[in-house]
Amino acid sequence: MWLFLATVVVAGATNHAPMRRLAATPLNVTQWAVDGNSVLVITAHPDDAEGFAGGLLATLQDHGAINVSYLVVTSGNAGGKCYDDWGPRPGPSGFRACEKEELGFTRRREMVAAAAYFGVPREQVYRLGLDDGMVLAHHETSIRRAITAVVRTVQPHVVLTHYPYPNLAAQPTCNGACPAPSSFDDMGFHPDHQRVGWHVMNACYGSGSAASNDLIFDDLAFAGVTKWTISELYFFAMPGVDGAPITHYHELTPSLLERKITASAIHRSQYQDNISFINASVRFWDGQSGAAVGFPFAETFVGYY
């Protein structure tokens, strides 16, 4: 579960001194559109894209010249509940425990529906289908190769993904026992998020980038899936007590905030139609991010080039 990690948290948010404003730069989405850039969002779980960057995704949708794709590494089959009714505005009904195969299929449908809400077609929602919570158990070569294949195929100019390191300055969650919304079980420590970020960094960034070197995974090049060099890499950022290395932000207007909440609510398996909880949580965490960069609400990032 993404748990609004990207929109970040301050240790002891309600009991500590206000966070100082960090020196950061707004994402230049307008220039991305002018340049005809494409964006690939690589996440661990089916609801991560909307939770970490739903406001940015809404803005990308408004700039029709920007092509967006998703790559979701796990099926999300270790967290949530199943249900039996589908529709554009279904009410609360029959949420139940279920086997992981059914949960994974349910979350895949939610993932496709949430992407469609932001104008991303089904054929551009890629998945690796690994078991939720088990990214760490897979050999790096297999995941890095799969990510490389998708990057070379999609040919994005901009890649967004998880921060590859634990944020030990993030707000404690009391192992789920803190009052909501601080009860979320991932404020910088989720192993799937960290490992996905690590694999993406190794696949896309710097001289060791597998995506940009046909001699790494040369069987892909032999099959015609040839090298591609991205232009910009951004990690979902989390300012800690003394300020994480945030370099970029995207301010969320009231409209963007509402669209992010609506997209997150599509993931019914995660929230069981508790719209008030989603609303409060998004506003709380995006408010913390906004405070870090001097706005009421924002999403924050660490950029690499």
C-alpha atoms as a PDB file:
ATOM      1  CA  MET A   1       0.000   0.000   0.000  1.00  0.00           C
ATOM      2  CA  TRP A   2       1.366   3.378  -0.905  1.00  0.00           C
ATOM      3  CA  LEU A   3       0.011   4.999   2.233  1.00  0.00           C
ATOM      4  CA  PHE A   4       0.631   8.535   1.068  1.00  0.00           C
ATOM      5  CA  LEU A   5       4.347   8.090   1.536  1.00  0.00           C
ATOM      6  CA  ALA A   6       5.313  10.299  -1.353  1.00  0.00           C
ATOM      7  CA  THR A   7       3.447  13.160   0.085  1.00  0.00           C
ATOM      8  CA  VAL A   8       5.533  12.739   3.112  1.00  0.00           C
ATOM      9  CA  VAL A   9       5.628  13.097   6.768  1.00  0.00           C
ATOM     10  CA  VAL A  10       7.369  15.074   9.460  1.00  0.00           C
ATOM     11  CA  ALA A  11       8.458  13.314  12.613  1.00  0.00           C
ATOM     12  CA  GLY A  12       6.003  14.198  15.352  1.00  0.00           C
ATOM     13  CA  ALA A  13       4.034  16.363  12.933  1.00  0.00           C
ATOM     14  CA  THR A  14       1.615  17.648  15.554  1.00  0.00           C
ATOM     15  CA  ASN A  15       4.027  17.829  18.499  1.00  0.00           C
ATOM     16  CA  HIS A  16       7.199  19.299  17.052  1.00  0.00           C
ATOM     17  CA  ALA A  17       8.278  22.718  15.853  1.00  0.00           C
ATOM     18  CA  PRO A  18       7.081  23.747  12.373  1.00  0.00           C
ATOM     19  CA  MET A  19       9.220  22.447   9.537  1.00  0.00           C
ATOM     20  CA  ARG A  20      11.465  24.993   7.904  1.00  0.00           C
ATOM     21  CA  ARG A  21      10.812  25.675   4.241  1.00  0.00           C
ATOM     22  CA  LEU A  22      13.164  23.723   1.998  1.00  0.00           C
ATOM     23  CA  ALA A  23      14.866  25.165  -1.073  1.00  0.00           C
ATOM     24  CA  ALA A  24      13.264  23.289  -3.940  1.00  0.00           C
ATOM     25  CA  THR A  25      12.237  23.862  -7.552  1.00  0.00           C
ATOM     26  CA  PRO A  26       8.795  23.269  -9.076  1.00  0.00           C
ATOM     27  CA  LEU A  27       8.600  20.456 -11.604  1.00  0.00           C
ATOM     28  CA  ASN A  28       8.642  22.049 -15.048  1.00  0.00           C
ATOM     29  CA  VAL A  29       5.607  20.217 -16.401  1.00  0.00           C
ATOM     30  CA  THR A  30       4.896  22.933 -18.954  1.00  0.00           C
ATOM     31  CA  GLN A  31       8.323  22.409 -20.502  1.00  0.00           C
ATOM     32  CA  TRP A  32       7.747  18.651 -20.544  1.00  0.00           C
ATOM     33  CA  ALA A  33       4.643  19.313 -22.635  1.00  0.00           C
ATOM     34  CA  VAL A  34       6.441  21.712 -24.966  1.00  0.00           C
ATOM     35  CA  ASP A  35       9.176  19.142 -25.518  1.00  0.00           C
ATOM     36  CA  GLY A  36       6.640  16.358 -26.087  1.00  0.00           C
ATOM     37  CA  ASN A  37       8.095  14.324 -23.247  1.00  0.00           C
ATOM     38  CA  SER A  38       6.742  10.995 -22.036  1.00  0.00           C
ATOM     39  CA  VAL A  39       6.559   9.922 -18.384  1.00  0.00           C
ATOM     40  CA  LEU A  40       6.866   6.442 -16.865  1.00  0.00           C
ATOM     41  CA  VAL A  41       5.706   5.943 -13.265  1.00  0.00           C
ATOM     42  CA  ILE A  42       7.277   2.823 -11.731  1.00  0.00           C
ATOM     43  CA  THR A  43       5.752   1.742  -8.427  1.00  0.00           C
ATOM     44  CA  ALA A  44       5.631  -1.233  -6.113  1.00  0.00           C
ATOM     45  CA  HIS A  45       1.846  -1.545  -5.655  1.00  0.00           C
ATOM     46  CA  PRO A  46      -1.336  -0.918  -7.661  1.00  0.00           C
ATOM     47  CA  ASP A  47      -2.357   2.185  -5.667  1.00  0.00           C
ATOM     48  CA  ASP A  48       1.065   3.808  -5.350  1.00  0.00           C
ATOM     49  CA  ALA A  49       0.954   6.008  -8.459  1.00  0.00           C
ATOM     50  CA  GLU A  50      -2.200   7.833  -7.365  1.00  0.00           C
ATOM     51  CA  GLY A  51      -1.088   8.101  -3.752  1.00  0.00           C
ATOM     52  CA  PHE A  52       2.428   9.309  -4.386  1.00  0.00           C
ATOM     53  CA  ALA A  53       1.780  11.507  -7.423  1.00  0.00           C
ATOM     54  CA  GLY A  54      -1.961  11.769  -8.070  1.00  0.00           C
ATOM     55  CA  GLY A  55      -1.859  15.541  -8.240  1.00  0.00           C
ATOM     56  CA  LEU A  56       1.013  15.473 -10.695  1.00  0.00           C
ATOM     57  CA  LEU A  57      -0.778  12.829 -12.780  1.00  0.00           C
ATOM     58  CA  ALA A  58      -3.844  15.062 -12.963  1.00  0.00           C
ATOM     59  CA  THR A  59      -1.652  17.911 -14.207  1.00  0.00           C
ATOM     60  CA  LEU A  60      -0.021  15.646 -16.794  1.00  0.00           C
ATOM     61  CA  GLN A  61      -3.508  14.719 -18.005  1.00  0.00           C
ATOM     62  CA  ASP A  62      -4.303  18.420 -18.436  1.00  0.00           C
ATOM     63  CA  HIS A  63      -1.194  18.755 -20.621  1.00  0.00           C
ATOM     64  CA  GLY A  64      -2.405  16.434 -23.353  1.00  0.00           C
ATOM     65  CA  ALA A  65       0.971  16.427 -25.118  1.00  0.00           C
ATOM     66  CA  ILE A  66       2.545  14.353 -22.308  1.00  0.00           C
ATOM     67  CA  ASN A  67       2.241  10.594 -22.733  1.00  0.00           C
ATOM     68  CA  VAL A  68       2.057   8.679 -19.420  1.00  0.00           C
ATOM     69  CA  SER A  69       2.627   4.977 -18.719  1.00  0.00           C
ATOM     70  CA  TYR A  70       2.662   2.907 -15.525  1.00  0.00           C
ATOM     71  CA  LEU A  71       4.803  -0.050 -14.478  1.00  0.00           C
ATOM     72  CA  VAL A  72       3.588  -1.788 -11.304  1.00  0.00           C
ATOM     73  CA  VAL A  73       5.988  -4.363  -9.899  1.00  0.00           C
ATOM     74  CA  THR A  74       3.792  -6.368  -7.498  1.00  0.00           C
ATOM     75  CA  SER A  75       0.187  -7.498  -7.745  1.00  0.00           C
ATOM     76  CA  GLY A  76      -0.637  -6.069  -4.313  1.00  0.00           C
ATOM     77  CA  ASN A  77      -1.990  -9.462  -3.280  1.00  0.00           C
ATOM     78  CA  ALA A  78      -0.990  -9.248   0.391  1.00  0.00           C
ATOM     79  CA  GLY A  79      -3.146  -6.331   1.529  1.00  0.00           C
ATOM     80  CA  GLY A  80      -6.808  -5.369   1.246  1.00  0.00           C
ATOM     81  CA  LYS A  81     -10.280  -6.856   0.921  1.00  0.00           C
ATOM     82  CA  CYS A  82     -12.351  -8.144  -1.976  1.00  0.00           C
ATOM     83  CA  TYR A  83     -15.909  -7.224  -2.975  1.00  0.00           C
ATOM     84  CA  ASP A  84     -18.461  -8.382  -5.501  1.00  0.00           C
ATOM     85  CA  ASP A  85     -19.976  -5.260  -7.096  1.00  0.00           C
ATOM     86  CA  TRP A  86     -18.458  -2.958  -9.706  1.00  0.00           C
ATOM     87  CA  GLY A  87     -19.759   0.322 -11.005  1.00  0.00           C
ATOM     88  CA  PRO A  88     -18.920   3.989 -11.413  1.00  0.00           C
ATOM     89  CA  ARG A  89     -20.245   4.994  -7.980  1.00  0.00           C
ATOM     90  CA  PRO A  90     -20.804   1.850  -5.886  1.00  0.00           C
ATOM     91  CA  GLY A  91     -21.735   2.247  -2.254  1.00  0.00           C
ATOM     92  CA  PRO A  92     -20.366   0.284   0.719  1.00  0.00           C
ATOM     93  CA  SER A  93     -21.109  -3.398   0.399  1.00  0.00           C
ATOM     94  CA  GLY A  94     -19.791  -6.794   1.266  1.00  0.00           C
ATOM     95  CA  PHE A  95     -16.074  -6.214   1.724  1.00  0.00           C
ATOM     96  CA  ARG A  96     -14.539  -9.512   2.727  1.00  0.00           C
ATOM     97  CA  ALA A  97     -11.302 -11.352   3.243  1.00  0.00           C
ATOM     98  CA  CYS A  98     -10.211 -13.344   0.195  1.00  0.00           C
ATOM     99  CA  GLU A  99      -7.400 -15.439  -1.190  1.00  0.00           C
ATOM    100  CA  LYS A 100      -4.432 -13.639  -2.643  1.00  0.00           C
ATOM    101  CA  GLU A 101      -5.200 -14.676  -6.236  1.00  0.00           C
ATOM    102  CA  GLU A 102      -8.606 -12.965  -6.109  1.00  0.00           C
ATOM    103  CA  LEU A 103      -7.159  -9.952  -4.323  1.00  0.00           C
ATOM    104  CA  GLY A 104      -4.437  -9.571  -6.943  1.00  0.00           C
ATOM    105  CA  PHE A 105      -7.018  -9.683  -9.743  1.00  0.00           C
ATOM    106  CA  THR A 106      -9.214  -7.158  -7.910  1.00  0.00           C
ATOM    107  CA  ARG A 107      -6.312  -4.784  -7.473  1.00  0.00           C
ATOM    108  CA  ARG A 108      -5.317  -5.129 -11.124  1.00  0.00           C
ATOM    109  CA  ARG A 109      -8.808  -3.965 -12.149  1.00  0.00           C
ATOM    110  CA  GLU A 110      -8.592  -1.059  -9.713  1.00  0.00           C
ATOM    111  CA  MET A 111      -5.161  -0.149 -11.059  1.00  0.00           C
ATOM    112  CA  VAL A 112      -6.430  -0.049 -14.639  1.00  0.00           C
ATOM    113  CA  ALA A 113      -9.514   1.967 -13.623  1.00  0.00           C
ATOM    114  CA  ALA A 114      -7.466   4.502 -11.640  1.00  0.00           C
ATOM    115  CA  ALA A 115      -5.034   4.921 -14.534  1.00  0.00           C
ATOM    116  CA  ALA A 116      -7.969   5.449 -16.910  1.00  0.00           C
ATOM    117  CA  TYR A 117      -9.262   8.202 -14.607  1.00  0.00           C
ATOM    118  CA  PHE A 118      -6.029  10.082 -15.424  1.00  0.00           C
ATOM    119  CA  GLY A 119      -6.267   9.254 -19.115  1.00  0.00           C
ATOM    120  CA  VAL A 120      -3.734   6.406 -19.148  1.00  0.00           C
ATOM    121  CA  PRO A 121      -5.017   3.566 -21.383  1.00  0.00           C
ATOM    122  CA  ARG A 122      -4.978  -0.054 -20.240  1.00  0.00           C
ATOM    123  CA  GLU A 123      -2.276  -1.043 -22.725  1.00  0.00           C
ATOM    124  CA  GLN A 124       0.080   1.454 -21.072  1.00  0.00           C
ATOM    125  CA  VAL A 125      -0.380  -0.006 -17.590  1.00  0.00           C
ATOM    126  CA  TYR A 126       2.413  -2.580 -17.423  1.00  0.00           C
ATOM    127  CA  ARG A 127       2.898  -5.031 -14.552  1.00  0.00           C
ATOM    128  CA  LEU A 128       5.464  -7.566 -13.389  1.00  0.00           C
ATOM    129  CA  GLY A 129       3.042  -9.457 -11.120  1.00  0.00           C
ATOM    130  CA  LEU A 130       5.413 -10.264  -8.254  1.00  0.00           C
ATOM    131  CA  ASP A 131       3.933 -11.220  -4.892  1.00  0.00           C
ATOM    132  CA  ASP A 132       3.250  -8.258  -2.629  1.00  0.00           C
ATOM    133  CA  GLY A 133       5.872  -7.860   0.096  1.00  0.00           C
ATOM    134  CA  MET A 134       8.341 -10.175  -1.644  1.00  0.00           C
ATOM    135  CA  VAL A 135      10.338  -7.918  -3.987  1.00  0.00           C
ATOM    136  CA  LEU A 136      13.338  -8.360  -1.695  1.00  0.00           C
ATOM    137  CA  ALA A 137      13.198 -12.132  -2.253  1.00  0.00           C
ATOM    138  CA  HIS A 138      13.719 -11.875  -6.028  1.00  0.00           C
ATOM    139  CA  HIS A 139      17.173 -11.718  -7.550  1.00  0.00           C
ATOM    140  CA  GLU A 140      18.101  -8.214  -8.626  1.00  0.00           C
ATOM    141  CA  THR A 141      19.054  -9.364 -12.117  1.00  0.00           C
ATOM    142  CA  SER A 142      15.541 -10.575 -12.961  1.00  0.00           C
ATOM    143  CA  ILE A 143      13.784  -7.411 -11.773  1.00  0.00           C
ATOM    144  CA  ARG A 144      16.371  -5.056 -13.219  1.00  0.00           C
ATOM    145  CA  ARG A 145      16.116  -6.856 -16.548  1.00  0.00           C
ATOM    146  CA  ALA A 146      12.319  -6.587 -16.578  1.00  0.00           C
ATOM    147  CA  ILE A 147      12.412  -2.882 -15.693  1.00  0.00           C
ATOM    148  CA  THR A 148      15.053  -2.323 -18.376  1.00  0.00           C
ATOM    149  CA  ALA A 149      12.857  -4.032 -20.974  1.00  0.00           C
ATOM    150  CA  VAL A 150       9.892  -1.787 -20.143  1.00  0.00           C
ATOM    151  CA  VAL A 151      11.995   1.397 -20.098  1.00  0.00           C
ATOM    152  CA  ARG A 152      13.509   0.558 -23.485  1.00  0.00           C
ATOM    153  CA  THR A 153      10.063  -0.249 -24.873  1.00  0.00           C
ATOM    154  CA  VAL A 154       8.229   2.799 -23.496  1.00  0.00           C
ATOM    155  CA  GLN A 155      11.196   5.162 -24.054  1.00  0.00           C
ATOM    156  CA  PRO A 156      10.259   7.703 -21.372  1.00  0.00           C
ATOM    157  CA  HIS A 157      12.006  11.000 -20.932  1.00  0.00           C
ATOM    158  CA  VAL A 158      10.978  11.231 -17.268  1.00  0.00           C
ATOM    159  CA  VAL A 159      10.798   8.395 -14.730  1.00  0.00           C
ATOM    160  CA  LEU A 160       9.120   8.663 -11.312  1.00  0.00           C
ATOM    161  CA  THR A 161       9.613   6.022  -8.621  1.00  0.00           C
ATOM    162  CA  HIS A 162      10.134   5.302  -4.927  1.00  0.00           C
ATOM    163  CA  TYR A 163      12.973   6.608  -2.792  1.00  0.00           C
ATOM    164  CA  PRO A 164      15.512   3.745  -2.679  1.00  0.00           C
ATOM    165  CA  TYR A 165      16.610   4.138   0.948  1.00  0.00           C
ATOM    166  CA  PRO A 166      14.794   3.903   4.292  1.00  0.00           C
ATOM    167  CA  ASN A 167      13.902   7.252   5.814  1.00  0.00           C
ATOM    168  CA  LEU A 168      14.635   6.692   9.482  1.00  0.00           C
ATOM    169  CA  ALA A 169      13.666  10.280  10.249  1.00  0.00           C
ATOM    170  CA  ALA A 170      10.096   9.690   9.080  1.00  0.00           C
ATOM    171  CA  GLN A 171       7.273   9.827  11.571  1.00  0.00           C
ATOM    172  CA  PRO A 172       6.876   6.616  13.619  1.00  0.00           C
ATOM    173  CA  THR A 173       3.628   4.741  13.088  1.00  0.00           C
ATOM    174  CA  CYS A 174       3.657   2.816  16.392  1.00  0.00           C
ATOM    175  CA  ASN A 175       3.535  -0.337  14.258  1.00  0.00           C
ATOM    176  CA  GLY A 176       0.000   0.581  13.247  1.00  0.00           C
ATOM    177  CA  ALA A 177      -1.132   1.594  16.741  1.00  0.00           C
ATOM    178  CA  CYS A 178      -0.831   5.370  16.335  1.00  0.00           C
ATOM    179  CA  PRO A 179      -4.093   7.287  15.810  1.00  0.00           C
ATOM    180  CA  ALA A 180      -5.129   7.770  12.180  1.00  0.00           C
ATOM    181  CA  PRO A 181      -3.804   9.041   9.852  1.00  0.00           C
ATOM    182  CA  SER A 182      -0.441   8.409  11.534  1.00  0.00           C
ATOM    183  CA  SER A 183      -1.338   4.727  11.876  1.00  0.00           C
ATOM    184  CA  PHE A 184      -0.196   3.939   8.339  1.00  0.00           C
ATOM    185  CA  ASP A 185       2.346   1.128   8.361  1.00  0.00           C
ATOM    186  CA  ASP A 186       4.777   2.752   5.939  1.00  0.00           C
ATOM    187  CA  MET A 187       6.342   6.109   6.532  1.00  0.00           C
ATOM    188  CA  GLY A 188       9.672   5.394   4.933  1.00  0.00           C
ATOM    189  CA  PHE A 189      10.317   1.767   5.780  1.00  0.00           C
ATOM    190  CA  HIS A 190       8.402  -0.390   3.265  1.00  0.00           C
ATOM    191  CA  PRO A 191      10.780  -2.984   1.755  1.00  0.00           C
ATOM    192  CA  ASP A 192       8.900  -3.189  -1.572  1.00  0.00           C
ATOM    193  CA  HIS A 193       9.141   0.566  -2.061  1.00  0.00           C
ATOM    194  CA  GLN A 194      12.835   0.684  -1.251  1.00  0.00           C
ATOM    195  CA  ARG A 195      13.754  -2.257  -3.455  1.00  0.00           C
ATOM    196  CA  VAL A 196      11.745  -1.010  -6.427  1.00  0.00           C
ATOM    197  CA  GLY A 197      13.423   2.389  -6.131  1.00  0.00           C
ATOM    198  CA  TRP A 198      16.812   0.693  -5.931  1.00  0.00           C
ATOM    199  CA  HIS A 199      16.183  -1.435  -9.010  1.00  0.00           C
ATOM    200  CA  VAL A 200      14.892   1.536 -10.999  1.00  0.00           C
ATOM    201  CA  MET A 201      17.933   3.598 -10.071  1.00  0.00           C
ATOM    202  CA  ASN A 202      20.247   0.806 -11.214  1.00  0.00           C
ATOM    203  CA  ALA A 203      18.278   0.301 -14.415  1.00  0.00           C
ATOM    204  CA  CYS A 204      18.041   3.969 -15.384  1.00  0.00           C
ATOM    205  CA  TYR A 205      20.639   6.206 -13.792  1.00  0.00           C
ATOM    206  CA  GLY A 206      24.273   6.990 -14.468  1.00  0.00           C
ATOM    207  CA  SER A 207      27.071   5.081 -16.142  1.00  0.00           C
ATOM    208  CA  GLY A 208      25.776   1.781 -14.785  1.00  0.00           C
ATOM    209  CA  SER A 209      22.354   2.214 -16.349  1.00  0.00           C
ATOM    210  CA  ALA A 210      21.148  -1.021 -17.923  1.00  0.00           C
ATOM    211  CA  ALA A 211      18.486   0.717 -19.995  1.00  0.00           C
ATOM    212  CA  SER A 212      21.051   2.826 -21.856  1.00  0.00           C
ATOM    213  CA  ASN A 213      23.639   0.124 -22.504  1.00  0.00           C
ATOM    214  CA  ASP A 214      22.983  -2.594 -25.084  1.00  0.00           C
ATOM    215  CA  LEU A 215      25.839  -4.671 -23.666  1.00  0.00           C
ATOM    216  CA  ILE A 216      23.845  -5.102 -20.449  1.00  0.00           C
ATOM    217  CA  PHE A 217      21.048  -7.598 -21.129  1.00  0.00           C
ATOM    218  CA  ASP A 218      22.310  -7.887 -24.686  1.00  0.00           C
ATOM    219  CA  ASP A 219      19.637 -10.501 -25.418  1.00  0.00           C
ATOM    220  CA  LEU A 220      17.090  -7.680 -25.248  1.00  0.00           C
ATOM    221  CA  ALA A 221      19.076  -5.695 -27.810  1.00  0.00           C
ATOM    222  CA  PHE A 222      19.375  -8.784 -30.016  1.00  0.00           C
ATOM    223  CA  ALA A 223      15.569  -9.050 -29.935  1.00  0.00           C
ATOM    224  CA  GLY A 224      15.235  -5.424 -30.997  1.00  0.00           C
ATOM    225  CA  VAL A 225      14.632  -3.916 -27.541  1.00  0.00           C
ATOM    226  CA  THR A 226      17.517  -1.497 -27.795  1.00  0.00           C
ATOM    227  CA  LYS A 227      19.016   1.028 -25.429  1.00  0.00           C
ATOM    228  CA  TRP A 228      17.248   4.149 -24.231  1.00  0.00           C
ATOM    229  CA  THR A 229      18.565   6.958 -22.029  1.00  0.00           C
ATOM    230  CA  ILE A 230      16.087   8.803 -19.842  1.00  0.00           C
ATOM    231  CA  SER A 231      16.465  12.534 -19.258  1.00  0.00           C
ATOM    232  CA  GLU A 232      15.146  12.944 -15.709  1.00  0.00           C
ATOM    233  CA  LEU A 233      14.668  10.629 -12.711  1.00  0.00           C
ATOM    234  CA  TYR A 234      12.594  11.605  -9.677  1.00  0.00           C
ATOM    235  CA  PHE A 235      12.096   9.763  -6.398  1.00  0.00           C
ATOM    236  CA  PHE A 236       9.008  10.345  -4.263  1.00  0.00           C
ATOM    237  CA  ALA A 237      10.479  12.377  -1.404  1.00  0.00           C
ATOM    238  CA  MET A 238       9.928  12.491   2.335  1.00  0.00           C
ATOM    239  CA  PRO A 239      11.171  15.449   4.376  1.00  0.00           C
ATOM    240  CA  GLY A 240      12.335  14.264   7.766  1.00  0.00           C
ATOM    241  CA  VAL A 241      12.889  16.093  11.018  1.00  0.00           C
ATOM    242  CA  ASP A 242      15.786  18.122   9.676  1.00  0.00           C
ATOM    243  CA  GLY A 243      14.675  18.125   6.055  1.00  0.00           C
ATOM    244  CA  ALA A 244      15.276  15.396   3.466  1.00  0.00           C
ATOM    245  CA  PRO A 245      17.125  16.266   0.251  1.00  0.00           C
ATOM    246  CA  ILE A 246      14.011  17.496  -1.514  1.00  0.00           C
ATOM    247  CA  THR A 247      14.897  19.099  -4.832  1.00  0.00           C
ATOM    248  CA  HIS A 248      11.501  19.467  -6.553  1.00  0.00           C
ATOM    249  CA  TYR A 249       7.825  19.831  -5.768  1.00  0.00           C
ATOM    250  CA  HIS A 250       4.448  20.041  -7.435  1.00  0.00           C
ATOM    251  CA  GLU A 251       1.972  22.388  -5.810  1.00  0.00           C
ATOM    252  CA  LEU A 252      -1.533  20.955  -5.427  1.00  0.00           C
ATOM    253  CA  THR A 253      -4.433  23.288  -6.071  1.00  0.00           C
ATOM    254  CA  PRO A 254      -7.820  22.447  -4.515  1.00  0.00           C
ATOM    255  CA  SER A 255      -8.900  20.921  -7.836  1.00  0.00           C
ATOM    256  CA  LEU A 256      -5.790  18.741  -8.105  1.00  0.00           C
ATOM    257  CA  LEU A 257      -6.232  17.641  -4.509  1.00  0.00           C
ATOM    258  CA  GLU A 258      -9.820  16.578  -5.155  1.00  0.00           C
ATOM    259  CA  ARG A 259      -8.859  14.646  -8.282  1.00  0.00           C
ATOM    260  CA  LYS A 260      -6.135  12.860  -6.332  1.00  0.00           C
ATOM    261  CA  ILE A 261      -8.660  11.897  -3.650  1.00  0.00           C
ATOM    262  CA  THR A 262     -11.098  10.647  -6.284  1.00  0.00           C
ATOM    263  CA  ALA A 263      -8.406   8.538  -7.966  1.00  0.00           C
ATOM    264  CA  SER A 264      -7.288   7.059  -4.647  1.00  0.00           C
ATOM    265  CA  ALA A 265     -10.884   6.120  -3.813  1.00  0.00           C
ATOM    266  CA  ILE A 266     -10.979   3.884  -6.891  1.00  0.00           C
ATOM    267  CA  HIS A 267      -8.779   1.504  -4.907  1.00  0.00           C
ATOM    268  CA  ARG A 268     -11.760   0.213  -2.956  1.00  0.00           C
ATOM    269  CA  SER A 269      -9.943  -2.894  -1.767  1.00  0.00           C
ATOM    270  CA  GLN A 270      -7.667  -0.625   0.257  1.00  0.00           C
ATOM    271  CA  TYR A 271     -10.151   1.836   1.749  1.00  0.00           C
ATOM    272  CA  GLN A 272     -13.529   0.053   1.656  1.00  0.00           C
ATOM    273  CA  ASP A 273     -15.267   3.233   0.423  1.00  0.00           C
ATOM    274  CA  ASN A 274     -14.219   5.250   3.485  1.00  0.00           C
ATOM    275  CA  ILE A 275     -14.040   8.535   1.571  1.00  0.00           C
ATOM    276  CA  SER A 276     -13.758  10.675   4.693  1.00  0.00           C
ATOM    277  CA  PHE A 277     -10.655   8.733   5.739  1.00  0.00           C
ATOM    278  CA  ILE A 278      -9.053   9.133   2.299  1.00  0.00           C
ATOM    279  CA  ASN A 279      -9.868  12.834   2.272  1.00  0.00           C
ATOM    280  CA  ALA A 280      -8.419  13.432   5.725  1.00  0.00           C
ATOM    281  CA  SER A 281      -5.315  11.358   5.031  1.00  0.00           C
ATOM    282  CA  VAL A 282      -4.478  12.991   1.690  1.00  0.00           C
ATOM    283  CA  ARG A 283      -4.911  16.443   3.155  1.00  0.00           C
ATOM    284  CA  PHE A 284      -2.812  15.570   6.189  1.00  0.00           C
ATOM    285  CA  TRP A 285       0.148  14.091   4.341  1.00  0.00           C
ATOM    286  CA  ASP A 286       0.092  16.485   1.381  1.00  0.00           C
ATOM    287  CA  GLY A 287      -0.209  19.279   3.904  1.00  0.00           C
ATOM    288  CA  GLN A 288       3.028  18.099   5.496  1.00  0.00           C
ATOM    289  CA  SER A 289       4.726  18.092   2.099  1.00  0.00           C
ATOM    290  CA  GLY A 290       3.310  21.511   1.316  1.00  0.00           C
ATOM    291  CA  ALA A 291       4.597  22.918   4.595  1.00  0.00           C
ATOM    292  CA  ALA A 292       8.082  21.750   3.654  1.00  0.00           C
ATOM    293  CA  VAL A 293       8.106  23.851   0.481  1.00  0.00           C
ATOM    294  CA  GLY A 294       5.879  26.760   1.490  1.00  0.00           C
ATOM    295  CA  PHE A 295       2.444  25.818   0.103  1.00  0.00           C
ATOM    296  CA  PRO A 296      -0.798  24.534   1.626  1.00  0.00           C
ATOM    297  CA  PHE A 297      -0.485  21.219  -0.256  1.00  0.00           C
ATOM    298  CA  ALA A 298       2.217  19.695  -2.454  1.00  0.00           C
ATOM    299  CA  GLU A 299       3.894  16.513  -3.634  1.00  0.00           C
ATOM    300  CA  THR A 300       7.662  16.461  -3.192  1.00  0.00           C
ATOM    301  CA  PHE A 301      10.499  14.723  -5.016  1.00  0.00           C
ATOM    302  CA  VAL A 302      14.233  14.128  -5.175  1.00  0.00           C
ATOM    303  CA  GLY A 303      15.476  14.696  -8.720  1.00  0.00           C
ATOM    304  CA  TYR A 304      18.465  13.079 -10.452  1.00  0.00           C
ATOM    305  CA  TYR A 305      19.719  13.878 -13.950  1.00  0.00           C
END
